[in-house]
Amino acid sequence: MTRLTRLPLQSGLACLVFAGATPAFAQSSDESGPAVIIEGERIDDYAARRQARDITPGSGQSHEALPRFQKPVCIGVFGLRPENAAPMIERMYDNAEDIGLIVNRGEGCRANVWVLVVDDPAAKFDKLVEEGDDLIAALAKYKRKRIARQDGPVRAWNLTSERDEYGNKVPTGFEAASMMQGAAMGISSMPIVVSSRSSRMRLSVRMDIDLSLVMIAREALADVDAHALADYATMRAFTETEEPEKAVGFESILTLFSDQREVTRLSAFDRGYLRSLYKANAHRPARVGLASLSPHIERELALEAQQPKDE
């Protein structure tokens, strides 16, 4: 049974997201195929990394890990009819499992990925900021400005938290400052990060995605199907990405709503990007967080050459 809550966005969205509404479709899949030996051509590694940096906010920073999910993914949709949302949700679950994410398809799951179809994403985001909504309050000011600067019919963002190697939340921002002030006054302890091993190549903390939101203008859906929308949302929700600013050297679903659009499905670059991220150690700094990008893209290109594209 499909359960999709339809509430006025301004009054009900935060309640919908945080109250644990049940948006998912119950279905299990546990199939594995035989090992596949792949042979293919080498790609331009520099071009692949340049495009990855272009779509990855903060990719040049060495003091943070790239955000990704650690908890099972539960997907919800707001603003679409159930019959239109169903294939999209299933497609996103399949994409998640394909790149190694754990998913929760049960009807009782609490959605931590939301695709929101609204009339004007830019205006809705500005309104959430103006009202200090919980969906925005945890975002740093520079992230809010970056989201507000996004062009086109989409506004997408992730709520993240720093965690130690045991999954414990690390105090940051105002919380950390309050703890340090309290420690100076002798009324609380200093914030502590527990780590058994850290180095230049392995940070003491990782960056977990707690909630992802992809807000898309309704009128932009006129010439895209459910699978195209799902694949685009996959690239925006399962890690922190943005649409490319430069001309792309590799096809990408991230150009779906731009003049550069060439594909309407996850490309070899997209799948390679996600696989590289989720195969890597979660504690790797951003500058080396996609170390296996090119081999994964090459494998995906070889697989594409062996079978027809999914329509």
Foldseek 3Di string as FASTA:
>chain_A
DADADEDDCVPPVLVLQPVQAFGFADDDDDDDDDDDDFDFDFDDPVQLVVQVPQWAPPLPDQQAFFEFADDAADEHEYDDDPVQVHVLRVLLVVLCVVLPGHHDRDRRGRHQEYEYEAAAVLVSLVVCVVVCHPVPVQDDPVVSVVQNPADFFKGKDFRKFKAFPVRHTFDDDPRQVVQVVCVVVPNHHHTDQDAPDADSFFARIFIYTRHIYMYGRNVLCPPAGSQLVSQCSSLVGRTPTAQGPDQHPFAASSCVRDPNHDDSHGALQNSLQSNQQVVADRRGGSNCNNVPSRVSSRRRVRVCVVDPDDD
